[in-house]
Amino acid sequence: MSEYRRWVVACGGQEKPFKAMSGHTLLYMWCATTGEHAYYDMTSDMFLEDRDAHTHMWGEVDNEENYV
């Protein structure tokens, strides 16, 4: 059984969904259980890894060393 995680809209609920360069709608979220942040892809109903979120926002990521 996986650990329960309570995700809420980041910045005290002030973050707003936005249309990324990819056309997907993203929302910046905060996990009240672990303290981590992540982008939630409202189009695909999935949380994104940093690299995937950056690709949606800015296209292909050139600097691979940031994602090792």
Protein backbone atom coordinates (compact mmCIF):
# COMPACT_ATOMS: atom_id res chain seq x y z
CA MET A 1 0.00 0.00 0.00
CA SER A 2 1.42 3.37 -0.97
CA GLU A 3 1.67 6.31 1.39
CA TYR A 4 -1.28 8.72 1.26
CA ARG A 5 -0.29 12.13 -0.10
CA ARG A 6 -2.43 15.22 0.26
CA TRP A 7 -1.86 17.56 -2.72
CA VAL A 8 -3.16 21.13 -2.64
CA VAL A 9 -2.80 24.12 -4.94
CA ALA A 10 0.59 25.75 -4.22
CA CYS A 11 1.20 29.22 -2.77
CA GLY A 12 -1.65 28.99 -0.32
CA GLY A 13 -4.13 28.23 -3.10
CA GLN A 14 -3.13 31.27 -5.16
CA GLU A 15 -1.62 29.40 -8.14
CA LYS A 16 -3.79 29.38 -11.26
CA PRO A 17 -3.88 26.81 -14.08
CA PHE A 18 -2.05 27.94 -17.20
CA LYS A 19 -1.77 26.76 -20.79
CA ALA A 20 1.77 25.50 -21.43
CA MET A 21 3.62 25.76 -24.73
CA SER A 22 2.60 22.12 -25.42
CA GLY A 23 -1.08 23.03 -25.20
CA HIS A 24 -1.56 21.16 -21.93
CA THR A 25 -3.04 22.91 -18.91
CA LEU A 26 -0.70 22.75 -15.89
CA LEU A 27 -1.16 23.68 -12.25
CA TYR A 28 1.60 24.08 -9.64
CA MET A 29 0.81 21.93 -6.60
CA TRP A 30 2.23 21.34 -3.11
CA CYS A 31 2.08 18.09 -1.15
CA ALA A 32 1.09 18.90 2.42
CA THR A 33 2.22 15.40 3.49
CA THR A 34 5.81 15.51 2.19
CA GLY A 35 6.47 19.21 1.46
CA GLU A 36 7.36 18.54 -2.19
CA HIS A 37 6.15 20.59 -5.16
CA ALA A 38 5.12 19.34 -8.60
CA TYR A 39 3.22 20.37 -11.68
CA TYR A 40 -0.11 18.63 -12.24
CA ASP A 41 -1.09 18.15 -15.88
CA MET A 42 -4.83 18.76 -15.92
CA THR A 43 -5.03 17.60 -19.54
CA SER A 44 -3.65 14.10 -18.91
CA ASP A 45 -4.62 13.88 -15.19
CA MET A 46 -1.02 13.14 -14.15
CA PHE A 47 1.66 14.66 -11.94
CA LEU A 48 4.82 15.47 -13.91
CA GLU A 49 8.50 14.96 -13.18
CA ASP A 50 10.47 18.24 -13.41
CA ARG A 51 11.91 17.36 -16.81
CA ASP A 52 8.48 16.59 -18.27
CA ALA A 53 6.98 19.79 -16.85
CA HIS A 54 9.82 21.86 -18.32
CA THR A 55 9.36 20.18 -21.71
CA HIS A 56 5.64 21.07 -21.65
CA MET A 57 6.43 24.67 -20.71
CA TRP A 58 9.48 25.41 -22.88
CA GLY A 59 9.81 22.63 -25.44
CA GLU A 60 12.75 20.22 -25.54
CA VAL A 61 15.25 20.64 -22.72
CA ASP A 62 18.80 21.14 -24.02
CA ASN A 63 20.77 20.85 -20.79
CA GLU A 64 20.62 17.15 -19.84
CA GLU A 65 23.00 17.50 -16.88
CA ASN A 66 20.23 19.14 -14.80
CA TYR A 67 18.21 15.94 -14.94
CA VAL A 68 20.73 13.25 -13.96
